[in-house]
Amino acid sequence: MLSALRSQSNYTSGPQYRTFLELLLVSTPITTVCCVFLFINSIMILTLRSKPVFRESSCYILLFNLLLVDTMQISVTQLFYFLSVCRVRLTYPMCGFLESIAGLLTSISPLTLVLMSLERYVAVCHPLRHATITTIRNTRMGIVMVWAFGLVDILIEGLLLLEFPFSDLKTLLMDDACSDLTLNLTHSSNLYKKVYAGVLFVSAAMVIMSSYVRVALVARSASVEKASAQKARNTLLLHLIQLSLCMCGTVHDTLITEIVKVLERKILMRIWNVIYVFLVLVPRFLNPLIYGLRDKTIRTLLMYRICCRLTLKVNVN
């Protein structure tokens, strides 16, 4: 995710005054944007835990898990950003631990979107069985399975890294900034990450698109409520858009790697920061806007909390 950080660190090895000025001008706006995103996401998470109606509904429980993962991912990503800007080198074990957390969170988001799509599919296509299928217990079991699947992936990556002869290294301190690319120490590990990411996102896209097509067909039927089916179809379309945004974050490395071949480091640093904001931070922030503001109950409570409870009166059972 942060393969371009090494280029940024090399570029900032010039005069000290220029390094400090550019770090200040670039890091301050990005950090401010990140803090705003974290604040709104945190308010959204607290909102989803504030009322029984949110804690006892499968769709809100899944939304809570998605927002929690996005908030954690923004925090970890910003930590990598600080480490790179400050030119802090980590040891291989510490970098591997942080990258494992980042990799786990990257897997959870698309899998949670799959669960949310299936929940909407059941609600529209099997309304009579929705209450028995999407129970709180089943929803929590689904979330546990998603996290377990992500943990298995991290375990496999860790086992593949054992092929690298760490004993031959003079020191465990890394020469470059910590990133997933610098940890691709073996061909097997690199190949596994590419295959896993491809299979994960293709499978998630197929499930979401299949649910969308099925709901769209049911929406044309006279036996279902048109407004409810239309809303579910729009929600599934938003799931697909959000999955595409998650994929943008995964192509961040590839995009930067190709750009660095044709541009100077000074220009690359500016482009990298723009890509970091729009392909890494912004997609994680869109969930409160996409899902929260569309729901009248969540929107009312969210505005109530953001406005510091000044004059807005909330009526939620």
C-alpha atoms as a PDB file:
ATOM      1  CA  MET A   1       0.000   0.000   0.000  1.00  0.00           C
ATOM      2  CA  LEU A   2       2.871   2.361   0.688  1.00  0.00           C
ATOM      3  CA  SER A   3       5.504   1.276  -1.818  1.00  0.00           C
ATOM      4  CA  ALA A   4       6.022   4.845  -2.982  1.00  0.00           C
ATOM      5  CA  LEU A   5       7.172   5.890   0.449  1.00  0.00           C
ATOM      6  CA  ARG A   6      10.723   4.886  -0.314  1.00  0.00           C
ATOM      7  CA  SER A   7      10.776   7.337  -3.211  1.00  0.00           C
ATOM      8  CA  GLN A   8       9.333  10.000  -0.959  1.00  0.00           C
ATOM      9  CA  SER A   9      12.002   9.339   1.672  1.00  0.00           C
ATOM     10  CA  ASN A  10      14.747   9.573  -0.931  1.00  0.00           C
ATOM     11  CA  TYR A  11      13.389  12.826  -2.206  1.00  0.00           C
ATOM     12  CA  THR A  12      13.281  14.349   1.258  1.00  0.00           C
ATOM     13  CA  SER A  13      16.995  13.644   1.752  1.00  0.00           C
ATOM     14  CA  GLY A  14      17.894  17.070   0.329  1.00  0.00           C
ATOM     15  CA  PRO A  15      18.408  20.290   2.304  1.00  0.00           C
ATOM     16  CA  GLN A  16      16.897  20.189   5.771  1.00  0.00           C
ATOM     17  CA  TYR A  17      14.826  23.353   5.366  1.00  0.00           C
ATOM     18  CA  ARG A  18      13.243  22.069   2.192  1.00  0.00           C
ATOM     19  CA  THR A  19      12.480  18.722   3.811  1.00  0.00           C
ATOM     20  CA  PHE A  20      10.800  20.284   6.814  1.00  0.00           C
ATOM     21  CA  LEU A  21       8.788  22.733   4.712  1.00  0.00           C
ATOM     22  CA  GLU A  22       7.493  20.094   2.322  1.00  0.00           C
ATOM     23  CA  LEU A  23       6.709  17.675   5.110  1.00  0.00           C
ATOM     24  CA  LEU A  24       4.753  20.400   6.862  1.00  0.00           C
ATOM     25  CA  LEU A  25       2.861  21.549   3.780  1.00  0.00           C
ATOM     26  CA  VAL A  26       1.993  18.039   2.665  1.00  0.00           C
ATOM     27  CA  SER A  27       1.488  16.191   5.923  1.00  0.00           C
ATOM     28  CA  THR A  28      -0.668  18.788   7.689  1.00  0.00           C
ATOM     29  CA  PRO A  29      -3.591  18.784   5.189  1.00  0.00           C
ATOM     30  CA  ILE A  30      -3.535  14.996   4.866  1.00  0.00           C
ATOM     31  CA  THR A  31      -3.455  14.518   8.620  1.00  0.00           C
ATOM     32  CA  THR A  32      -6.300  17.010   9.020  1.00  0.00           C
ATOM     33  CA  VAL A  33      -8.411  15.171   6.452  1.00  0.00           C
ATOM     34  CA  CYS A  34      -7.656  11.871   8.173  1.00  0.00           C
ATOM     35  CA  CYS A  35      -8.681  13.258  11.578  1.00  0.00           C
ATOM     36  CA  VAL A  36     -11.962  14.544  10.139  1.00  0.00           C
ATOM     37  CA  PHE A  37     -12.672  11.147   8.605  1.00  0.00           C
ATOM     38  CA  LEU A  38     -11.878   9.383  11.872  1.00  0.00           C
ATOM     39  CA  PHE A  39     -14.113  11.765  13.815  1.00  0.00           C
ATOM     40  CA  ILE A  40     -17.141  11.241  11.567  1.00  0.00           C
ATOM     41  CA  ASN A  41     -16.620   7.480  11.409  1.00  0.00           C
ATOM     42  CA  SER A  42     -16.309   7.333  15.197  1.00  0.00           C
ATOM     43  CA  ILE A  43     -19.531   9.309  15.623  1.00  0.00           C
ATOM     44  CA  MET A  44     -21.221   6.913  13.220  1.00  0.00           C
ATOM     45  CA  ILE A  45     -19.986   3.893  15.197  1.00  0.00           C
ATOM     46  CA  LEU A  46     -21.215   5.371  18.477  1.00  0.00           C
ATOM     47  CA  THR A  47     -24.558   6.114  16.827  1.00  0.00           C
ATOM     48  CA  LEU A  48     -24.972   2.479  15.771  1.00  0.00           C
ATOM     49  CA  ARG A  49     -24.394   1.357  19.368  1.00  0.00           C
ATOM     50  CA  SER A  50     -26.637   3.950  20.984  1.00  0.00           C
ATOM     51  CA  LYS A  51     -30.087   2.440  20.353  1.00  0.00           C
ATOM     52  CA  PRO A  52     -31.525  -1.085  20.655  1.00  0.00           C
ATOM     53  CA  VAL A  53     -33.022  -0.754  17.176  1.00  0.00           C
ATOM     54  CA  PHE A  54     -29.484  -0.707  15.760  1.00  0.00           C
ATOM     55  CA  ARG A  55     -28.077  -3.420  18.005  1.00  0.00           C
ATOM     56  CA  GLU A  56     -30.920  -5.844  17.228  1.00  0.00           C
ATOM     57  CA  SER A  57     -31.065  -5.505  13.439  1.00  0.00           C
ATOM     58  CA  SER A  58     -28.834  -7.598  11.177  1.00  0.00           C
ATOM     59  CA  CYS A  59     -28.298  -4.874   8.588  1.00  0.00           C
ATOM     60  CA  TYR A  60     -27.161  -2.375  11.235  1.00  0.00           C
ATOM     61  CA  ILE A  61     -24.901  -4.957  12.894  1.00  0.00           C
ATOM     62  CA  LEU A  62     -23.181  -5.594   9.567  1.00  0.00           C
ATOM     63  CA  LEU A  63     -22.897  -1.864   8.940  1.00  0.00           C
ATOM     64  CA  PHE A  64     -21.305  -1.439  12.359  1.00  0.00           C
ATOM     65  CA  ASN A  65     -18.705  -4.099  11.515  1.00  0.00           C
ATOM     66  CA  LEU A  66     -17.955  -2.433   8.173  1.00  0.00           C
ATOM     67  CA  LEU A  67     -17.522   1.009   9.735  1.00  0.00           C
ATOM     68  CA  LEU A  68     -15.366  -0.393  12.529  1.00  0.00           C
ATOM     69  CA  VAL A  69     -13.056  -2.054  10.006  1.00  0.00           C
ATOM     70  CA  ASP A  70     -12.845   1.112   7.895  1.00  0.00           C
ATOM     71  CA  THR A  71     -11.986   3.210  10.945  1.00  0.00           C
ATOM     72  CA  MET A  72      -9.275   0.785  11.997  1.00  0.00           C
ATOM     73  CA  GLN A  73      -7.932   0.703   8.461  1.00  0.00           C
ATOM     74  CA  ILE A  74      -7.708   4.499   8.289  1.00  0.00           C
ATOM     75  CA  SER A  75      -5.807   4.486  11.591  1.00  0.00           C
ATOM     76  CA  VAL A  76      -3.325   1.818  10.458  1.00  0.00           C
ATOM     77  CA  THR A  77      -2.826   3.477   7.082  1.00  0.00           C
ATOM     78  CA  GLN A  78      -2.148   6.823   8.707  1.00  0.00           C
ATOM     79  CA  LEU A  79       0.347   5.147  11.026  1.00  0.00           C
ATOM     80  CA  PHE A  80       2.234   3.856   7.980  1.00  0.00           C
ATOM     81  CA  TYR A  81       2.100   7.353   6.537  1.00  0.00           C
ATOM     82  CA  PHE A  82       3.645   8.870   9.675  1.00  0.00           C
ATOM     83  CA  LEU A  83       6.360   6.216   9.789  1.00  0.00           C
ATOM     84  CA  SER A  84       7.280   6.956   6.210  1.00  0.00           C
ATOM     85  CA  VAL A  85       7.191  10.731   6.481  1.00  0.00           C
ATOM     86  CA  CYS A  86       9.304  10.627   9.644  1.00  0.00           C
ATOM     87  CA  ARG A  87      11.611   8.090   7.954  1.00  0.00           C
ATOM     88  CA  VAL A  88      11.259   5.580  10.751  1.00  0.00           C
ATOM     89  CA  ARG A  89      12.644   2.141   9.942  1.00  0.00           C
ATOM     90  CA  LEU A  90      11.114  -0.855  11.650  1.00  0.00           C
ATOM     91  CA  THR A  91      12.335  -4.364  12.216  1.00  0.00           C
ATOM     92  CA  TYR A  92      10.987  -7.126  10.003  1.00  0.00           C
ATOM     93  CA  PRO A  93       8.876  -8.689  12.796  1.00  0.00           C
ATOM     94  CA  MET A  94       7.279  -5.348  13.716  1.00  0.00           C
ATOM     95  CA  CYS A  95       6.616  -4.463  10.088  1.00  0.00           C
ATOM     96  CA  GLY A  96       5.184  -7.920   9.499  1.00  0.00           C
ATOM     97  CA  PHE A  97       2.841  -7.525  12.462  1.00  0.00           C
ATOM     98  CA  LEU A  98       1.539  -4.161  11.238  1.00  0.00           C
ATOM     99  CA  GLU A  99       1.156  -5.419   7.684  1.00  0.00           C
ATOM    100  CA  SER A 100      -0.735  -8.443   8.981  1.00  0.00           C
ATOM    101  CA  ILE A 101      -3.244  -6.150  10.653  1.00  0.00           C
ATOM    102  CA  ALA A 102      -3.559  -4.079   7.464  1.00  0.00           C
ATOM    103  CA  GLY A 103      -4.007  -7.211   5.359  1.00  0.00           C
ATOM    104  CA  LEU A 104      -6.640  -8.580   7.709  1.00  0.00           C
ATOM    105  CA  LEU A 105      -8.669  -5.365   7.560  1.00  0.00           C
ATOM    106  CA  THR A 106      -8.368  -5.269   3.768  1.00  0.00           C
ATOM    107  CA  SER A 107      -9.951  -8.730   3.560  1.00  0.00           C
ATOM    108  CA  ILE A 108     -12.763  -7.983   6.011  1.00  0.00           C
ATOM    109  CA  SER A 109     -14.285  -5.068   4.063  1.00  0.00           C
ATOM    110  CA  PRO A 110     -15.258  -6.933   0.833  1.00  0.00           C
ATOM    111  CA  LEU A 111     -16.406  -9.976   2.801  1.00  0.00           C
ATOM    112  CA  THR A 112     -18.656  -7.802   4.958  1.00  0.00           C
ATOM    113  CA  LEU A 113     -20.098  -6.237   1.810  1.00  0.00           C
ATOM    114  CA  VAL A 114     -20.934  -9.751   0.627  1.00  0.00           C
ATOM    115  CA  LEU A 115     -22.849 -10.451   3.848  1.00  0.00           C
ATOM    116  CA  MET A 116     -24.715  -7.153   3.524  1.00  0.00           C
ATOM    117  CA  SER A 117     -25.657  -8.005  -0.066  1.00  0.00           C
ATOM    118  CA  LEU A 118     -26.921 -11.440   0.913  1.00  0.00           C
ATOM    119  CA  GLU A 119     -28.984  -9.889   3.706  1.00  0.00           C
ATOM    120  CA  ARG A 120     -30.702  -7.560   1.229  1.00  0.00           C
ATOM    121  CA  TYR A 121     -31.195 -10.442  -1.200  1.00  0.00           C
ATOM    122  CA  VAL A 122     -32.976 -12.515   1.449  1.00  0.00           C
ATOM    123  CA  ALA A 123     -35.075  -9.516   2.534  1.00  0.00           C
ATOM    124  CA  VAL A 124     -36.453  -8.983  -0.978  1.00  0.00           C
ATOM    125  CA  CYS A 125     -36.450 -12.420  -2.569  1.00  0.00           C
ATOM    126  CA  HIS A 126     -37.415 -14.416   0.538  1.00  0.00           C
ATOM    127  CA  PRO A 127     -39.285 -11.952   2.754  1.00  0.00           C
ATOM    128  CA  LEU A 128     -41.158 -14.638   4.676  1.00  0.00           C
ATOM    129  CA  ARG A 129     -37.910 -16.327   5.694  1.00  0.00           C
ATOM    130  CA  HIS A 130     -35.934 -13.152   6.323  1.00  0.00           C
ATOM    131  CA  ALA A 131     -36.687 -13.021  10.033  1.00  0.00           C
ATOM    132  CA  THR A 132     -35.623 -16.628  10.569  1.00  0.00           C
ATOM    133  CA  ILE A 133     -32.489 -16.507   8.391  1.00  0.00           C
ATOM    134  CA  THR A 134     -31.020 -13.128   9.316  1.00  0.00           C
ATOM    135  CA  THR A 135     -31.261 -13.485  13.070  1.00  0.00           C
ATOM    136  CA  ILE A 136     -28.846 -11.717  15.389  1.00  0.00           C
ATOM    137  CA  ARG A 137     -27.165 -15.044  16.152  1.00  0.00           C
ATOM    138  CA  ASN A 138     -26.701 -15.921  12.474  1.00  0.00           C
ATOM    139  CA  THR A 139     -25.447 -12.430  11.707  1.00  0.00           C
ATOM    140  CA  ARG A 140     -22.829 -12.583  14.438  1.00  0.00           C
ATOM    141  CA  MET A 141     -21.780 -16.043  13.302  1.00  0.00           C
ATOM    142  CA  GLY A 142     -21.337 -14.680   9.792  1.00  0.00           C
ATOM    143  CA  ILE A 143     -19.141 -11.855  11.095  1.00  0.00           C
ATOM    144  CA  VAL A 144     -17.057 -14.336  13.112  1.00  0.00           C
ATOM    145  CA  MET A 145     -16.595 -16.480   9.989  1.00  0.00           C
ATOM    146  CA  VAL A 146     -15.484 -13.419   8.019  1.00  0.00           C
ATOM    147  CA  TRP A 147     -12.856 -12.542  10.612  1.00  0.00           C
ATOM    148  CA  ALA A 148     -11.751 -16.182  10.831  1.00  0.00           C
ATOM    149  CA  PHE A 149     -11.326 -16.309   7.059  1.00  0.00           C
ATOM    150  CA  GLY A 150      -9.147 -13.198   7.194  1.00  0.00           C
ATOM    151  CA  LEU A 151      -7.055 -14.657  10.016  1.00  0.00           C
ATOM    152  CA  VAL A 152      -6.454 -17.842   8.012  1.00  0.00           C
ATOM    153  CA  ASP A 153      -5.137 -15.711   5.148  1.00  0.00           C
ATOM    154  CA  ILE A 154      -2.729 -13.916   7.491  1.00  0.00           C
ATOM    155  CA  LEU A 155      -1.570 -17.247   8.904  1.00  0.00           C
ATOM    156  CA  ILE A 156      -0.802 -18.574   5.431  1.00  0.00           C
ATOM    157  CA  GLU A 157       1.140 -15.428   4.546  1.00  0.00           C
ATOM    158  CA  GLY A 158       3.145 -15.768   7.740  1.00  0.00           C
ATOM    159  CA  LEU A 159       4.016 -19.385   6.946  1.00  0.00           C
ATOM    160  CA  LEU A 160       5.156 -18.411   3.443  1.00  0.00           C
ATOM    161  CA  LEU A 161       7.466 -15.758   4.880  1.00  0.00           C
ATOM    162  CA  LEU A 162       9.258 -18.459   6.855  1.00  0.00           C
ATOM    163  CA  GLU A 163      10.877 -19.537   3.588  1.00  0.00           C
ATOM    164  CA  PHE A 164      13.058 -16.425   3.674  1.00  0.00           C
ATOM    165  CA  PRO A 165      16.498 -16.975   5.311  1.00  0.00           C
ATOM    166  CA  PHE A 166      16.261 -14.297   7.998  1.00  0.00           C
ATOM    167  CA  SER A 167      19.287 -15.842   9.726  1.00  0.00           C
ATOM    168  CA  ASP A 168      21.492 -14.641   6.871  1.00  0.00           C
ATOM    169  CA  LEU A 169      20.626 -10.998   7.540  1.00  0.00           C
ATOM    170  CA  LYS A 170      23.142  -8.905   9.446  1.00  0.00           C
ATOM    171  CA  THR A 171      20.312  -7.089  11.208  1.00  0.00           C
ATOM    172  CA  LEU A 172      16.530  -7.361  11.398  1.00  0.00           C
ATOM    173  CA  LEU A 173      16.239  -3.611  10.842  1.00  0.00           C
ATOM    174  CA  MET A 174      14.666  -2.886   7.458  1.00  0.00           C
ATOM    175  CA  ASP A 175      16.541  -0.809   4.879  1.00  0.00           C
ATOM    176  CA  ASP A 176      13.344   0.687   3.421  1.00  0.00           C
ATOM    177  CA  ALA A 177      10.057   1.973   4.730  1.00  0.00           C
ATOM    178  CA  CYS A 178       7.689  -0.682   5.968  1.00  0.00           C
ATOM    179  CA  SER A 179       5.233  -1.732   3.274  1.00  0.00           C
ATOM    180  CA  ASP A 180       3.652  -4.859   1.917  1.00  0.00           C
ATOM    181  CA  LEU A 181       6.025  -4.785  -1.053  1.00  0.00           C
ATOM    182  CA  THR A 182       9.137  -4.735   1.082  1.00  0.00           C
ATOM    183  CA  LEU A 183       7.779  -7.810   2.869  1.00  0.00           C
ATOM    184  CA  ASN A 184       7.295  -9.732  -0.384  1.00  0.00           C
ATOM    185  CA  LEU A 185      10.572 -11.493   0.339  1.00  0.00           C
ATOM    186  CA  THR A 186       9.768 -14.703  -1.519  1.00  0.00           C
ATOM    187  CA  HIS A 187       8.194 -15.479  -4.874  1.00  0.00           C
ATOM    188  CA  SER A 188       5.621 -17.718  -3.205  1.00  0.00           C
ATOM    189  CA  SER A 189       4.479 -14.937  -0.866  1.00  0.00           C
ATOM    190  CA  ASN A 190       4.191 -12.433  -3.704  1.00  0.00           C
ATOM    191  CA  LEU A 191       2.265 -14.862  -5.898  1.00  0.00           C
ATOM    192  CA  TYR A 192      -0.078 -15.858  -3.084  1.00  0.00           C
ATOM    193  CA  LYS A 193      -1.012 -12.246  -2.295  1.00  0.00           C
ATOM    194  CA  LYS A 194      -1.851 -11.516  -5.931  1.00  0.00           C
ATOM    195  CA  VAL A 195      -3.921 -14.663  -6.368  1.00  0.00           C
ATOM    196  CA  TYR A 196      -5.736 -14.203  -3.050  1.00  0.00           C
ATOM    197  CA  ALA A 197      -6.606 -10.556  -3.782  1.00  0.00           C
ATOM    198  CA  GLY A 198      -7.856 -11.453  -7.264  1.00  0.00           C
ATOM    199  CA  VAL A 199      -9.989 -14.376  -6.093  1.00  0.00           C
ATOM    200  CA  LEU A 200     -11.359 -12.398  -3.149  1.00  0.00           C
ATOM    201  CA  PHE A 201     -12.553  -9.384  -5.114  1.00  0.00           C
ATOM    202  CA  VAL A 202     -13.770 -11.349  -8.140  1.00  0.00           C
ATOM    203  CA  SER A 203     -15.798 -13.679  -5.899  1.00  0.00           C
ATOM    204  CA  ALA A 204     -17.228 -10.773  -3.908  1.00  0.00           C
ATOM    205  CA  ALA A 205     -18.148  -8.941  -7.116  1.00  0.00           C
ATOM    206  CA  MET A 206     -19.894 -12.026  -8.507  1.00  0.00           C
ATOM    207  CA  VAL A 207     -21.972 -12.490  -5.341  1.00  0.00           C
ATOM    208  CA  ILE A 208     -22.992  -8.835  -5.211  1.00  0.00           C
ATOM    209  CA  MET A 209     -23.822  -8.684  -8.926  1.00  0.00           C
ATOM    210  CA  SER A 210     -25.820 -11.912  -8.720  1.00  0.00           C
ATOM    211  CA  SER A 211     -27.792 -10.520  -5.797  1.00  0.00           C
ATOM    212  CA  TYR A 212     -28.361  -7.288  -7.704  1.00  0.00           C
ATOM    213  CA  VAL A 213     -29.648  -9.083 -10.801  1.00  0.00           C
ATOM    214  CA  ARG A 214     -31.950 -11.299  -8.748  1.00  0.00           C
ATOM    215  CA  VAL A 215     -33.358  -8.360  -6.803  1.00  0.00           C
ATOM    216  CA  ALA A 216     -33.823  -6.375 -10.026  1.00  0.00           C
ATOM    217  CA  LEU A 217     -35.833  -9.215 -11.523  1.00  0.00           C
ATOM    218  CA  VAL A 218     -37.953  -9.571  -8.410  1.00  0.00           C
ATOM    219  CA  ALA A 219     -38.540  -5.811  -8.379  1.00  0.00           C
ATOM    220  CA  ARG A 220     -40.415  -6.141 -11.676  1.00  0.00           C
ATOM    221  CA  SER A 221     -42.779  -8.664 -10.185  1.00  0.00           C
ATOM    222  CA  ALA A 222     -46.171  -7.518  -8.963  1.00  0.00           C
ATOM    223  CA  SER A 223     -45.935  -9.778  -5.924  1.00  0.00           C
ATOM    224  CA  VAL A 224     -43.439  -7.593  -4.060  1.00  0.00           C
ATOM    225  CA  GLU A 225     -43.493  -4.074  -2.755  1.00  0.00           C
ATOM    226  CA  LYS A 226     -42.000  -1.857  -5.463  1.00  0.00           C
ATOM    227  CA  ALA A 227     -40.504   0.765  -3.163  1.00  0.00           C
ATOM    228  CA  SER A 228     -38.775  -1.796  -0.944  1.00  0.00           C
ATOM    229  CA  ALA A 229     -37.353  -3.739  -3.889  1.00  0.00           C
ATOM    230  CA  GLN A 230     -36.161  -0.550  -5.556  1.00  0.00           C
ATOM    231  CA  LYS A 231     -34.402   0.570  -2.381  1.00  0.00           C
ATOM    232  CA  ALA A 232     -32.744  -2.835  -1.999  1.00  0.00           C
ATOM    233  CA  ARG A 233     -31.566  -2.728  -5.608  1.00  0.00           C
ATOM    234  CA  ASN A 234     -30.028   0.703  -5.081  1.00  0.00           C
ATOM    235  CA  THR A 235     -28.347  -0.534  -1.907  1.00  0.00           C
ATOM    236  CA  LEU A 236     -26.785  -3.468  -3.763  1.00  0.00           C
ATOM    237  CA  LEU A 237     -25.563  -1.093  -6.446  1.00  0.00           C
ATOM    238  CA  LEU A 238     -23.908   0.966  -3.729  1.00  0.00           C
ATOM    239  CA  HIS A 239     -22.304  -2.217  -2.378  1.00  0.00           C
ATOM    240  CA  LEU A 240     -20.813  -2.840  -5.816  1.00  0.00           C
ATOM    241  CA  ILE A 241     -19.518   0.723  -6.016  1.00  0.00           C
ATOM    242  CA  GLN A 242     -17.985   0.423  -2.556  1.00  0.00           C
ATOM    243  CA  LEU A 243     -16.325  -2.850  -3.546  1.00  0.00           C
ATOM    244  CA  SER A 244     -14.830  -1.095  -6.564  1.00  0.00           C
ATOM    245  CA  LEU A 245     -13.469   1.607  -4.275  1.00  0.00           C
ATOM    246  CA  CYS A 246     -11.916  -1.056  -2.052  1.00  0.00           C
ATOM    247  CA  MET A 247     -10.245  -2.510  -5.126  1.00  0.00           C
ATOM    248  CA  CYS A 248      -8.810   0.925  -5.915  1.00  0.00           C
ATOM    249  CA  GLY A 249      -6.916   0.765  -2.659  1.00  0.00           C
ATOM    250  CA  THR A 250      -5.390  -2.582  -3.625  1.00  0.00           C
ATOM    251  CA  VAL A 251      -4.099  -1.272  -6.990  1.00  0.00           C
ATOM    252  CA  HIS A 252      -2.402   1.613  -5.197  1.00  0.00           C
ATOM    253  CA  ASP A 253       0.980  -0.134  -5.251  1.00  0.00           C
ATOM    254  CA  THR A 254       0.800  -1.111  -8.907  1.00  0.00           C
ATOM    255  CA  LEU A 255      -0.197   2.385  -9.953  1.00  0.00           C
ATOM    256  CA  ILE A 256       2.622   4.025  -8.019  1.00  0.00           C
ATOM    257  CA  THR A 257       5.163   1.478  -9.275  1.00  0.00           C
ATOM    258  CA  GLU A 258       4.321   2.343 -12.878  1.00  0.00           C
ATOM    259  CA  ILE A 259       4.280   6.101 -12.283  1.00  0.00           C
ATOM    260  CA  VAL A 260       7.711   6.092 -10.642  1.00  0.00           C
ATOM    261  CA  LYS A 261       9.228   4.755 -13.856  1.00  0.00           C
ATOM    262  CA  VAL A 262       8.345   7.846 -15.899  1.00  0.00           C
ATOM    263  CA  LEU A 263       8.194  10.769 -13.454  1.00  0.00           C
ATOM    264  CA  GLU A 264      10.688  12.617 -11.321  1.00  0.00           C
ATOM    265  CA  ARG A 265      10.578  12.069  -7.592  1.00  0.00           C
ATOM    266  CA  LYS A 266       9.444  15.621  -6.894  1.00  0.00           C
ATOM    267  CA  ILE A 267       6.387  15.214  -9.092  1.00  0.00           C
ATOM    268  CA  LEU A 268       5.862  11.673  -7.843  1.00  0.00           C
ATOM    269  CA  MET A 269       5.650  12.839  -4.245  1.00  0.00           C
ATOM    270  CA  ARG A 270       2.810  15.215  -5.087  1.00  0.00           C
ATOM    271  CA  ILE A 271       0.943  12.630  -7.143  1.00  0.00           C
ATOM    272  CA  TRP A 272       1.440   9.993  -4.455  1.00  0.00           C
ATOM    273  CA  ASN A 273      -0.176  12.168  -1.803  1.00  0.00           C
ATOM    274  CA  VAL A 274      -3.187  12.811  -4.030  1.00  0.00           C
ATOM    275  CA  ILE A 275      -3.537   9.086  -4.750  1.00  0.00           C
ATOM    276  CA  TYR A 276      -3.177   8.310  -1.051  1.00  0.00           C
ATOM    277  CA  VAL A 277      -6.069  10.611  -0.162  1.00  0.00           C
ATOM    278  CA  PHE A 278      -8.462   9.637  -2.957  1.00  0.00           C
ATOM    279  CA  LEU A 279      -7.724   5.920  -3.296  1.00  0.00           C
ATOM    280  CA  VAL A 280      -6.957   5.017   0.324  1.00  0.00           C
ATOM    281  CA  LEU A 281      -8.616   7.499   2.694  1.00  0.00           C
ATOM    282  CA  VAL A 282     -11.709   8.671   0.815  1.00  0.00           C
ATOM    283  CA  PRO A 283     -13.134   5.177   0.047  1.00  0.00           C
ATOM    284  CA  ARG A 284     -12.997   4.367   3.785  1.00  0.00           C
ATOM    285  CA  PHE A 285     -14.899   7.553   4.567  1.00  0.00           C
ATOM    286  CA  LEU A 286     -17.697   7.068   2.053  1.00  0.00           C
ATOM    287  CA  ASN A 287     -19.473   4.380   4.065  1.00  0.00           C
ATOM    288  CA  PRO A 288     -21.029   6.858   6.550  1.00  0.00           C
ATOM    289  CA  LEU A 289     -22.205   8.945   3.592  1.00  0.00           C
ATOM    290  CA  ILE A 290     -23.389   6.045   1.438  1.00  0.00           C
ATOM    291  CA  TYR A 291     -25.154   4.058   4.130  1.00  0.00           C
ATOM    292  CA  GLY A 292     -25.674   6.413   7.050  1.00  0.00           C
ATOM    293  CA  LEU A 293     -27.186   9.436   5.340  1.00  0.00           C
ATOM    294  CA  ARG A 294     -29.597   7.265   3.310  1.00  0.00           C
ATOM    295  CA  ASP A 295     -31.196   5.948   6.493  1.00  0.00           C
ATOM    296  CA  LYS A 296     -33.522   8.470   8.094  1.00  0.00           C
ATOM    297  CA  THR A 297     -33.067   7.134  11.627  1.00  0.00           C
ATOM    298  CA  ILE A 298     -29.264   7.063  11.405  1.00  0.00           C
ATOM    299  CA  ARG A 299     -29.159  10.439   9.676  1.00  0.00           C
ATOM    300  CA  THR A 300     -31.157  12.098  12.427  1.00  0.00           C
ATOM    301  CA  LEU A 301     -29.024  10.667  15.229  1.00  0.00           C
ATOM    302  CA  LEU A 302     -25.801  11.339  13.340  1.00  0.00           C
ATOM    303  CA  MET A 303     -26.619  15.002  12.819  1.00  0.00           C
ATOM    304  CA  TYR A 304     -27.707  15.202  16.429  1.00  0.00           C
ATOM    305  CA  ARG A 305     -24.330  13.980  17.655  1.00  0.00           C
ATOM    306  CA  ILE A 306     -22.240  15.986  15.186  1.00  0.00           C
ATOM    307  CA  CYS A 307     -24.071  19.170  16.066  1.00  0.00           C
ATOM    308  CA  CYS A 308     -23.255  18.537  19.752  1.00  0.00           C
ATOM    309  CA  ARG A 309     -26.921  18.099  20.620  1.00  0.00           C
ATOM    310  CA  LEU A 310     -27.742  21.776  20.285  1.00  0.00           C
ATOM    311  CA  THR A 311     -31.345  21.993  19.195  1.00  0.00           C
ATOM    312  CA  LEU A 312     -32.174  18.815  17.293  1.00  0.00           C
ATOM    313  CA  LYS A 313     -34.753  16.582  18.894  1.00  0.00           C
ATOM    314  CA  VAL A 314     -34.559  12.896  18.129  1.00  0.00           C
ATOM    315  CA  ASN A 315     -37.494  10.572  18.287  1.00  0.00           C
ATOM    316  CA  VAL A 316     -36.335   6.969  17.984  1.00  0.00           C
ATOM    317  CA  ASN A 317     -38.038   4.026  19.566  1.00  0.00           C
END
